[in-house]
Amino acid sequence: MEITPAEASVSGPRTPAEPAGAVGITGAVSLLRPVRAGNAFEETVERLLQAIKLGVVPHGGKLPPERELATRLGISRVTLREAIRALQEAGYLDVRRGRYGGAFVVYRPPSPRKGDLRRAVTRMGEDDLEDALTFRMAVECGAARVLATTELTPRRRDTLAARLAGVNDAAPADYRRMDIAFHLAIAELTGSPLLAAACADARLRVTDLLNAIPVLRPNIEHAAVQHAAIAAAILDGDPEAAERAVAEHLEGTAALLRGFLA
């Protein structure tokens, strides 16, 4: 099914404010949010590293300007510089000076190798894997249900359509990043920072596992149909269908992981 922002009238009791998007990147609301003062440096490193690993800022992309990022994270620019320096030394960022300078992402997810998935699950624990899959199912189904009951503005419709097109048009090497952008957009468009953060956390828990398996063309084609069904249900204002479509999609992902572990 082909989705356009003009399709289907959406009605519902909720009309939240447009989600904040100060840095103009999907995932900003989820990850680039204020840190706690007690562990400002450590949490800043964690937030930036999460944004990098989820592809919120992709390889070759530049972090938001220092002043903007410090304000968004609720930290001093000194703390931000220390965190950026630590990630530069760890090989995640390249800091360039001058008019066109800034902190650029140099991290790329490693290519899958035989045994990577099993090693990742061993580090995680079998019970924690099942818990992570359950957590993701709960929060992402919930986000889709909430968004389907939200009165969508043209801007929200355009964003959802753009994220769907982005994942559908992605090259295999960029597929996982655009898939993440689509799923995070659903949570962020609800206007709930807490729900967006929970969905980002859920995805982070399985990112290393998904990166450890190859991107398969049949899986991409199947996922495209499922993504379209999710978007259609949300645009149609059908929360039951939206929840059902997300559940079917995530069950397929879980089955793929279990298949490679068998």
C-alpha atoms as a PDB file:
ATOM      1  CA  MET A   1       0.000   0.000   0.000  1.00  0.00           C
ATOM      2  CA  GLU A   2       1.323   3.438  -0.914  1.00  0.00           C
ATOM      3  CA  ILE A   3       0.922   6.102   1.753  1.00  0.00           C
ATOM      4  CA  THR A   4       0.667   9.838   1.199  1.00  0.00           C
ATOM      5  CA  PRO A   5       0.243  12.533   3.853  1.00  0.00           C
ATOM      6  CA  ALA A   6      -3.131  13.479   2.400  1.00  0.00           C
ATOM      7  CA  GLU A   7      -4.627  10.034   2.827  1.00  0.00           C
ATOM      8  CA  ALA A   8      -7.253   9.308   5.457  1.00  0.00           C
ATOM      9  CA  SER A   9      -8.761  11.720   7.915  1.00  0.00           C
ATOM     10  CA  VAL A  10      -7.436  11.198  11.418  1.00  0.00           C
ATOM     11  CA  SER A  11      -9.450  12.107  14.450  1.00  0.00           C
ATOM     12  CA  GLY A  12      -8.828  11.653  18.134  1.00  0.00           C
ATOM     13  CA  PRO A  13      -8.977  13.393  21.476  1.00  0.00           C
ATOM     14  CA  ARG A  14      -5.304  14.285  21.704  1.00  0.00           C
ATOM     15  CA  THR A  15      -3.769  17.339  20.092  1.00  0.00           C
ATOM     16  CA  PRO A  16      -0.349  17.681  21.772  1.00  0.00           C
ATOM     17  CA  ALA A  17       2.120  20.376  20.869  1.00  0.00           C
ATOM     18  CA  GLU A  18       4.453  19.716  17.979  1.00  0.00           C
ATOM     19  CA  PRO A  19       7.428  17.709  19.262  1.00  0.00           C
ATOM     20  CA  ALA A  20      10.551  19.726  19.841  1.00  0.00           C
ATOM     21  CA  GLY A  21      13.073  19.388  17.070  1.00  0.00           C
ATOM     22  CA  ALA A  22      15.743  21.928  17.836  1.00  0.00           C
ATOM     23  CA  VAL A  23      18.455  20.035  16.045  1.00  0.00           C
ATOM     24  CA  GLY A  24      16.247  18.929  13.172  1.00  0.00           C
ATOM     25  CA  ILE A  25      17.207  15.265  13.447  1.00  0.00           C
ATOM     26  CA  THR A  26      14.992  12.270  14.171  1.00  0.00           C
ATOM     27  CA  GLY A  27      16.075  10.944  17.558  1.00  0.00           C
ATOM     28  CA  ALA A  28      16.914  14.353  18.999  1.00  0.00           C
ATOM     29  CA  VAL A  29      13.926  14.324  21.341  1.00  0.00           C
ATOM     30  CA  SER A  30      14.698  10.753  22.408  1.00  0.00           C
ATOM     31  CA  LEU A  31      18.399  11.052  23.081  1.00  0.00           C
ATOM     32  CA  LEU A  32      19.615  14.642  23.128  1.00  0.00           C
ATOM     33  CA  ARG A  33      17.659  15.566  26.227  1.00  0.00           C
ATOM     34  CA  PRO A  34      18.831  17.041  29.568  1.00  0.00           C
ATOM     35  CA  VAL A  35      21.174  14.916  31.662  1.00  0.00           C
ATOM     36  CA  ARG A  36      21.252  14.698  35.451  1.00  0.00           C
ATOM     37  CA  ALA A  37      23.654  17.062  37.183  1.00  0.00           C
ATOM     38  CA  GLY A  38      25.296  14.457  39.432  1.00  0.00           C
ATOM     39  CA  ASN A  39      26.911  12.519  36.575  1.00  0.00           C
ATOM     40  CA  ALA A  40      26.832  15.153  33.850  1.00  0.00           C
ATOM     41  CA  PHE A  41      30.042  14.093  32.088  1.00  0.00           C
ATOM     42  CA  GLU A  42      29.269  10.375  32.114  1.00  0.00           C
ATOM     43  CA  GLU A  43      25.656  10.813  31.001  1.00  0.00           C
ATOM     44  CA  THR A  44      26.696  13.246  28.263  1.00  0.00           C
ATOM     45  CA  VAL A  45      29.114  10.652  26.885  1.00  0.00           C
ATOM     46  CA  GLU A  46      26.348   8.050  27.084  1.00  0.00           C
ATOM     47  CA  ARG A  47      23.786  10.245  25.290  1.00  0.00           C
ATOM     48  CA  LEU A  48      26.168  11.215  22.509  1.00  0.00           C
ATOM     49  CA  LEU A  49      27.332   7.633  22.081  1.00  0.00           C
ATOM     50  CA  GLN A  50      23.737   6.423  21.892  1.00  0.00           C
ATOM     51  CA  ALA A  51      22.936   9.039  19.242  1.00  0.00           C
ATOM     52  CA  ILE A  52      25.969   7.937  17.246  1.00  0.00           C
ATOM     53  CA  LYS A  53      25.244   4.207  17.524  1.00  0.00           C
ATOM     54  CA  LEU A  54      21.601   4.647  16.532  1.00  0.00           C
ATOM     55  CA  GLY A  55      22.605   6.753  13.549  1.00  0.00           C
ATOM     56  CA  VAL A  56      20.773   9.849  14.803  1.00  0.00           C
ATOM     57  CA  VAL A  57      23.936  11.577  13.596  1.00  0.00           C
ATOM     58  CA  PRO A  58      25.275   9.299  10.818  1.00  0.00           C
ATOM     59  CA  HIS A  59      28.818   8.618   9.675  1.00  0.00           C
ATOM     60  CA  GLY A  60      30.212  11.865   8.262  1.00  0.00           C
ATOM     61  CA  GLY A  61      27.492  13.916   9.938  1.00  0.00           C
ATOM     62  CA  LYS A  62      28.217  16.785  12.284  1.00  0.00           C
ATOM     63  CA  LEU A  63      26.918  17.150  15.816  1.00  0.00           C
ATOM     64  CA  PRO A  64      24.736  20.210  16.429  1.00  0.00           C
ATOM     65  CA  PRO A  65      26.600  23.448  17.266  1.00  0.00           C
ATOM     66  CA  GLU A  66      28.208  23.489  20.688  1.00  0.00           C
ATOM     67  CA  ARG A  67      25.952  26.165  22.173  1.00  0.00           C
ATOM     68  CA  GLU A  68      22.788  24.451  20.929  1.00  0.00           C
ATOM     69  CA  LEU A  69      23.876  20.998  22.065  1.00  0.00           C
ATOM     70  CA  ALA A  70      24.936  22.206  25.527  1.00  0.00           C
ATOM     71  CA  THR A  71      21.561  23.922  25.972  1.00  0.00           C
ATOM     72  CA  ARG A  72      19.684  20.836  24.796  1.00  0.00           C
ATOM     73  CA  LEU A  73      21.593  18.551  27.188  1.00  0.00           C
ATOM     74  CA  GLY A  74      21.363  21.059  30.042  1.00  0.00           C
ATOM     75  CA  ILE A  75      25.108  21.099  30.659  1.00  0.00           C
ATOM     76  CA  SER A  76      27.979  23.572  30.540  1.00  0.00           C
ATOM     77  CA  ARG A  77      30.007  23.918  27.363  1.00  0.00           C
ATOM     78  CA  VAL A  78      33.054  22.820  29.365  1.00  0.00           C
ATOM     79  CA  THR A  79      31.377  19.496  30.203  1.00  0.00           C
ATOM     80  CA  LEU A  80      30.296  19.076  26.587  1.00  0.00           C
ATOM     81  CA  ARG A  81      33.837  19.676  25.317  1.00  0.00           C
ATOM     82  CA  GLU A  82      35.202  17.096  27.755  1.00  0.00           C
ATOM     83  CA  ALA A  83      32.669  14.520  26.549  1.00  0.00           C
ATOM     84  CA  ILE A  84      33.416  15.248  22.895  1.00  0.00           C
ATOM     85  CA  ARG A  85      37.138  14.971  23.575  1.00  0.00           C
ATOM     86  CA  ALA A  86      36.611  11.571  25.211  1.00  0.00           C
ATOM     87  CA  LEU A  87      34.644  10.309  22.211  1.00  0.00           C
ATOM     88  CA  GLN A  88      37.284  11.690  19.861  1.00  0.00           C
ATOM     89  CA  GLU A  89      39.984   9.777  21.729  1.00  0.00           C
ATOM     90  CA  ALA A  90      37.822   6.629  21.586  1.00  0.00           C
ATOM     91  CA  GLY A  91      37.545   6.936  17.799  1.00  0.00           C
ATOM     92  CA  TYR A  92      33.897   7.951  17.483  1.00  0.00           C
ATOM     93  CA  LEU A  93      34.341  11.619  16.575  1.00  0.00           C
ATOM     94  CA  ASP A  94      36.738  13.774  14.583  1.00  0.00           C
ATOM     95  CA  VAL A  95      36.921  17.367  15.817  1.00  0.00           C
ATOM     96  CA  ARG A  96      37.856  19.903  13.159  1.00  0.00           C
ATOM     97  CA  ARG A  97      38.627  23.568  13.723  1.00  0.00           C
ATOM     98  CA  GLY A  98      37.861  26.582  11.595  1.00  0.00           C
ATOM     99  CA  ARG A  99      34.850  28.066   9.875  1.00  0.00           C
ATOM    100  CA  TYR A 100      33.564  24.718   8.635  1.00  0.00           C
ATOM    101  CA  GLY A 101      34.689  22.797  11.687  1.00  0.00           C
ATOM    102  CA  GLY A 102      32.800  20.906  14.348  1.00  0.00           C
ATOM    103  CA  ALA A 103      32.541  17.400  15.779  1.00  0.00           C
ATOM    104  CA  PHE A 104      32.043  14.889  12.936  1.00  0.00           C
ATOM    105  CA  VAL A 105      31.002  11.256  13.398  1.00  0.00           C
ATOM    106  CA  VAL A 106      33.560   8.744  12.143  1.00  0.00           C
ATOM    107  CA  TYR A 107      31.977   5.641  13.684  1.00  0.00           C
ATOM    108  CA  ARG A 108      30.553   2.952  11.398  1.00  0.00           C
ATOM    109  CA  PRO A 109      28.712  -0.135  12.665  1.00  0.00           C
ATOM    110  CA  PRO A 110      30.960  -3.160  12.147  1.00  0.00           C
ATOM    111  CA  SER A 111      30.123  -5.559   9.332  1.00  0.00           C
ATOM    112  CA  PRO A 112      28.513  -8.782  10.627  1.00  0.00           C
ATOM    113  CA  ARG A 113      30.861 -11.705  11.148  1.00  0.00           C
ATOM    114  CA  LYS A 114      30.102 -15.303  11.941  1.00  0.00           C
ATOM    115  CA  GLY A 115      29.623 -15.711  15.667  1.00  0.00           C
ATOM    116  CA  ASP A 116      29.007 -12.001  16.369  1.00  0.00           C
ATOM    117  CA  LEU A 117      25.357 -12.527  17.235  1.00  0.00           C
ATOM    118  CA  ARG A 118      26.040 -15.393  19.605  1.00  0.00           C
ATOM    119  CA  ARG A 119      28.780 -13.392  21.327  1.00  0.00           C
ATOM    120  CA  ALA A 120      26.452 -10.394  21.684  1.00  0.00           C
ATOM    121  CA  VAL A 121      23.727 -12.561  23.214  1.00  0.00           C
ATOM    122  CA  THR A 122      26.242 -14.193  25.549  1.00  0.00           C
ATOM    123  CA  ARG A 123      27.294 -10.758  26.795  1.00  0.00           C
ATOM    124  CA  MET A 124      23.664  -9.774  27.164  1.00  0.00           C
ATOM    125  CA  GLY A 125      22.250 -13.006  28.542  1.00  0.00           C
ATOM    126  CA  GLU A 126      19.422 -15.103  27.068  1.00  0.00           C
ATOM    127  CA  ASP A 127      16.935 -13.903  29.692  1.00  0.00           C
ATOM    128  CA  ASP A 128      17.875 -10.265  29.047  1.00  0.00           C
ATOM    129  CA  LEU A 129      17.362 -10.803  25.308  1.00  0.00           C
ATOM    130  CA  GLU A 130      13.796 -12.010  25.845  1.00  0.00           C
ATOM    131  CA  ASP A 131      13.191  -9.149  28.257  1.00  0.00           C
ATOM    132  CA  ALA A 132      14.529  -6.640  25.715  1.00  0.00           C
ATOM    133  CA  LEU A 133      12.242  -8.024  23.005  1.00  0.00           C
ATOM    134  CA  THR A 134       9.257  -7.859  25.370  1.00  0.00           C
ATOM    135  CA  PHE A 135      10.127  -4.292  26.374  1.00  0.00           C
ATOM    136  CA  ARG A 136      10.415  -3.211  22.755  1.00  0.00           C
ATOM    137  CA  MET A 137       7.107  -4.845  21.887  1.00  0.00           C
ATOM    138  CA  ALA A 138       5.340  -3.042  24.729  1.00  0.00           C
ATOM    139  CA  VAL A 139       6.674   0.469  24.136  1.00  0.00           C
ATOM    140  CA  GLU A 140       6.582   0.484  20.321  1.00  0.00           C
ATOM    141  CA  CYS A 141       3.081  -0.965  20.146  1.00  0.00           C
ATOM    142  CA  GLY A 142       2.059   1.623  22.711  1.00  0.00           C
ATOM    143  CA  ALA A 143       3.622   4.478  20.745  1.00  0.00           C
ATOM    144  CA  ALA A 144       1.834   3.460  17.545  1.00  0.00           C
ATOM    145  CA  ARG A 145      -1.483   3.182  19.379  1.00  0.00           C
ATOM    146  CA  VAL A 146      -1.043   6.623  20.938  1.00  0.00           C
ATOM    147  CA  LEU A 147      -0.080   8.231  17.634  1.00  0.00           C
ATOM    148  CA  ALA A 148      -3.066   6.656  15.895  1.00  0.00           C
ATOM    149  CA  THR A 149      -5.342   8.399  18.412  1.00  0.00           C
ATOM    150  CA  THR A 150      -3.602  11.752  17.934  1.00  0.00           C
ATOM    151  CA  GLU A 151      -4.965  14.484  15.697  1.00  0.00           C
ATOM    152  CA  LEU A 152      -2.145  14.672  13.180  1.00  0.00           C
ATOM    153  CA  THR A 153      -1.145  18.023  11.764  1.00  0.00           C
ATOM    154  CA  PRO A 154       0.055  18.262   8.142  1.00  0.00           C
ATOM    155  CA  ARG A 155       3.593  18.555   9.476  1.00  0.00           C
ATOM    156  CA  ARG A 156       3.287  15.305  11.420  1.00  0.00           C
ATOM    157  CA  ARG A 157       1.809  13.554   8.389  1.00  0.00           C
ATOM    158  CA  ASP A 158       4.642  14.833   6.205  1.00  0.00           C
ATOM    159  CA  THR A 159       7.223  13.624   8.717  1.00  0.00           C
ATOM    160  CA  LEU A 160       5.754  10.133   8.936  1.00  0.00           C
ATOM    161  CA  ALA A 161       5.515   9.885   5.140  1.00  0.00           C
ATOM    162  CA  ALA A 162       9.098  11.120   4.761  1.00  0.00           C
ATOM    163  CA  ARG A 163      10.441   8.567   7.266  1.00  0.00           C
ATOM    164  CA  LEU A 164       8.554   5.784   5.491  1.00  0.00           C
ATOM    165  CA  ALA A 165       9.979   6.870   2.135  1.00  0.00           C
ATOM    166  CA  GLY A 166      13.427   7.116   3.684  1.00  0.00           C
ATOM    167  CA  VAL A 167      13.498   3.518   4.879  1.00  0.00           C
ATOM    168  CA  ASN A 168      11.907   2.251   1.652  1.00  0.00           C
ATOM    169  CA  ASP A 169      14.522   4.034  -0.480  1.00  0.00           C
ATOM    170  CA  ALA A 170      17.523   3.207   1.710  1.00  0.00           C
ATOM    171  CA  ALA A 171      20.480   1.321   0.305  1.00  0.00           C
ATOM    172  CA  PRO A 172      21.314  -1.875   2.236  1.00  0.00           C
ATOM    173  CA  ALA A 173      24.302  -0.188   3.895  1.00  0.00           C
ATOM    174  CA  ASP A 174      22.051   2.552   5.275  1.00  0.00           C
ATOM    175  CA  TYR A 175      18.952   0.462   5.892  1.00  0.00           C
ATOM    176  CA  ARG A 176      19.311  -0.056   9.649  1.00  0.00           C
ATOM    177  CA  ARG A 177      19.784   3.684  10.282  1.00  0.00           C
ATOM    178  CA  MET A 178      16.719   4.637   8.266  1.00  0.00           C
ATOM    179  CA  ASP A 179      14.701   1.850   9.884  1.00  0.00           C
ATOM    180  CA  ILE A 180      15.592   3.301  13.280  1.00  0.00           C
ATOM    181  CA  ALA A 181      14.582   6.781  12.066  1.00  0.00           C
ATOM    182  CA  PHE A 182      11.154   5.468  11.036  1.00  0.00           C
ATOM    183  CA  HIS A 183      10.512   3.744  14.360  1.00  0.00           C
ATOM    184  CA  LEU A 184      11.799   6.633  16.487  1.00  0.00           C
ATOM    185  CA  ALA A 185       9.699   9.094  14.488  1.00  0.00           C
ATOM    186  CA  ILE A 186       6.512   7.268  15.487  1.00  0.00           C
ATOM    187  CA  ALA A 187       7.365   7.700  19.162  1.00  0.00           C
ATOM    188  CA  GLU A 188       8.538  11.303  18.815  1.00  0.00           C
ATOM    189  CA  LEU A 189       5.458  12.359  16.856  1.00  0.00           C
ATOM    190  CA  THR A 190       3.296  11.465  19.864  1.00  0.00           C
ATOM    191  CA  GLY A 191       4.732  14.555  21.551  1.00  0.00           C
ATOM    192  CA  SER A 192       5.737  12.544  24.642  1.00  0.00           C
ATOM    193  CA  PRO A 193       9.467  12.848  25.451  1.00  0.00           C
ATOM    194  CA  LEU A 194       9.180  10.010  27.981  1.00  0.00           C
ATOM    195  CA  LEU A 195       7.644   7.643  25.436  1.00  0.00           C
ATOM    196  CA  ALA A 196      10.196   8.689  22.811  1.00  0.00           C
ATOM    197  CA  ALA A 197      13.033   8.041  25.263  1.00  0.00           C
ATOM    198  CA  ALA A 198      11.609   4.617  26.162  1.00  0.00           C
ATOM    199  CA  CYS A 199      11.402   3.617  22.489  1.00  0.00           C
ATOM    200  CA  ALA A 200      14.969   4.788  21.880  1.00  0.00           C
ATOM    201  CA  ASP A 201      16.133   2.790  24.904  1.00  0.00           C
ATOM    202  CA  ALA A 202      14.273  -0.288  23.652  1.00  0.00           C
ATOM    203  CA  ARG A 203      15.920  -0.036  20.246  1.00  0.00           C
ATOM    204  CA  LEU A 204      19.357   0.493  21.790  1.00  0.00           C
ATOM    205  CA  ARG A 205      19.021  -2.781  23.679  1.00  0.00           C
ATOM    206  CA  VAL A 206      18.782  -4.746  20.423  1.00  0.00           C
ATOM    207  CA  THR A 207      20.925  -2.591  18.109  1.00  0.00           C
ATOM    208  CA  ASP A 208      24.140  -4.574  18.612  1.00  0.00           C
ATOM    209  CA  LEU A 209      22.184  -7.778  17.957  1.00  0.00           C
ATOM    210  CA  LEU A 210      20.639  -6.496  14.738  1.00  0.00           C
ATOM    211  CA  ASN A 211      23.999  -5.170  13.569  1.00  0.00           C
ATOM    212  CA  ALA A 212      25.400  -8.670  14.047  1.00  0.00           C
ATOM    213  CA  ILE A 213      23.171 -10.185  11.347  1.00  0.00           C
ATOM    214  CA  PRO A 214      23.276  -9.405   7.616  1.00  0.00           C
ATOM    215  CA  VAL A 215      20.740  -7.151   5.912  1.00  0.00           C
ATOM    216  CA  LEU A 216      18.713  -9.578   3.789  1.00  0.00           C
ATOM    217  CA  ARG A 217      16.816  -8.431   0.703  1.00  0.00           C
ATOM    218  CA  PRO A 218      13.732 -10.647   1.354  1.00  0.00           C
ATOM    219  CA  ASN A 219      13.563  -9.286   4.897  1.00  0.00           C
ATOM    220  CA  ILE A 220      13.746  -5.681   3.599  1.00  0.00           C
ATOM    221  CA  GLU A 221      10.916  -6.374   1.145  1.00  0.00           C
ATOM    222  CA  HIS A 222       8.783  -7.987   3.840  1.00  0.00           C
ATOM    223  CA  ALA A 223       9.520  -5.163   6.287  1.00  0.00           C
ATOM    224  CA  ALA A 224       8.516  -2.580   3.652  1.00  0.00           C
ATOM    225  CA  VAL A 225       5.021  -4.058   3.505  1.00  0.00           C
ATOM    226  CA  GLN A 226       4.819  -4.066   7.295  1.00  0.00           C
ATOM    227  CA  HIS A 227       6.096  -0.477   7.593  1.00  0.00           C
ATOM    228  CA  ALA A 228       3.458   0.652   5.081  1.00  0.00           C
ATOM    229  CA  ALA A 229       0.764  -1.101   7.117  1.00  0.00           C
ATOM    230  CA  ILE A 230       1.942   0.635  10.290  1.00  0.00           C
ATOM    231  CA  ALA A 231       1.913   4.055   8.643  1.00  0.00           C
ATOM    232  CA  ALA A 232      -1.477   3.431   7.005  1.00  0.00           C
ATOM    233  CA  ALA A 233      -3.084   2.451  10.309  1.00  0.00           C
ATOM    234  CA  ILE A 234      -1.690   5.536  12.027  1.00  0.00           C
ATOM    235  CA  LEU A 235      -2.845   7.858   9.234  1.00  0.00           C
ATOM    236  CA  ASP A 236      -6.263   6.168   9.249  1.00  0.00           C
ATOM    237  CA  GLY A 237      -6.569   6.789  12.987  1.00  0.00           C
ATOM    238  CA  ASP A 238      -6.972   3.064  13.723  1.00  0.00           C
ATOM    239  CA  PRO A 239      -5.127   2.296  16.995  1.00  0.00           C
ATOM    240  CA  GLU A 240      -5.971  -1.427  17.002  1.00  0.00           C
ATOM    241  CA  ALA A 241      -4.630  -1.878  13.476  1.00  0.00           C
ATOM    242  CA  ALA A 242      -1.543   0.202  14.281  1.00  0.00           C
ATOM    243  CA  GLU A 243      -0.750  -1.891  17.347  1.00  0.00           C
ATOM    244  CA  ARG A 244      -1.387  -5.119  15.437  1.00  0.00           C
ATOM    245  CA  ALA A 245       0.880  -4.032  12.544  1.00  0.00           C
ATOM    246  CA  VAL A 246       3.744  -3.095  14.871  1.00  0.00           C
ATOM    247  CA  ALA A 247       3.387  -6.365  16.789  1.00  0.00           C
ATOM    248  CA  GLU A 248       3.547  -8.397  13.559  1.00  0.00           C
ATOM    249  CA  HIS A 249       6.628  -6.468  12.448  1.00  0.00           C
ATOM    250  CA  LEU A 250       8.480  -6.886  15.754  1.00  0.00           C
ATOM    251  CA  GLU A 251       7.560 -10.566  15.944  1.00  0.00           C
ATOM    252  CA  GLY A 252       9.248 -10.967  12.553  1.00  0.00           C
ATOM    253  CA  THR A 253      12.391  -9.262  13.828  1.00  0.00           C
ATOM    254  CA  ALA A 254      12.443 -11.487  16.912  1.00  0.00           C
ATOM    255  CA  ALA A 255      11.976 -14.577  14.745  1.00  0.00           C
ATOM    256  CA  LEU A 256      14.908 -13.506  12.552  1.00  0.00           C
ATOM    257  CA  LEU A 257      17.162 -13.116  15.597  1.00  0.00           C
ATOM    258  CA  ARG A 258      16.118 -16.481  16.995  1.00  0.00           C
ATOM    259  CA  GLY A 259      16.644 -18.082  13.592  1.00  0.00           C
ATOM    260  CA  PHE A 260      20.240 -16.895  13.389  1.00  0.00           C
ATOM    261  CA  LEU A 261      20.814 -18.066  16.955  1.00  0.00           C
ATOM    262  CA  ALA A 262      19.444 -21.557  16.315  1.00  0.00           C
END
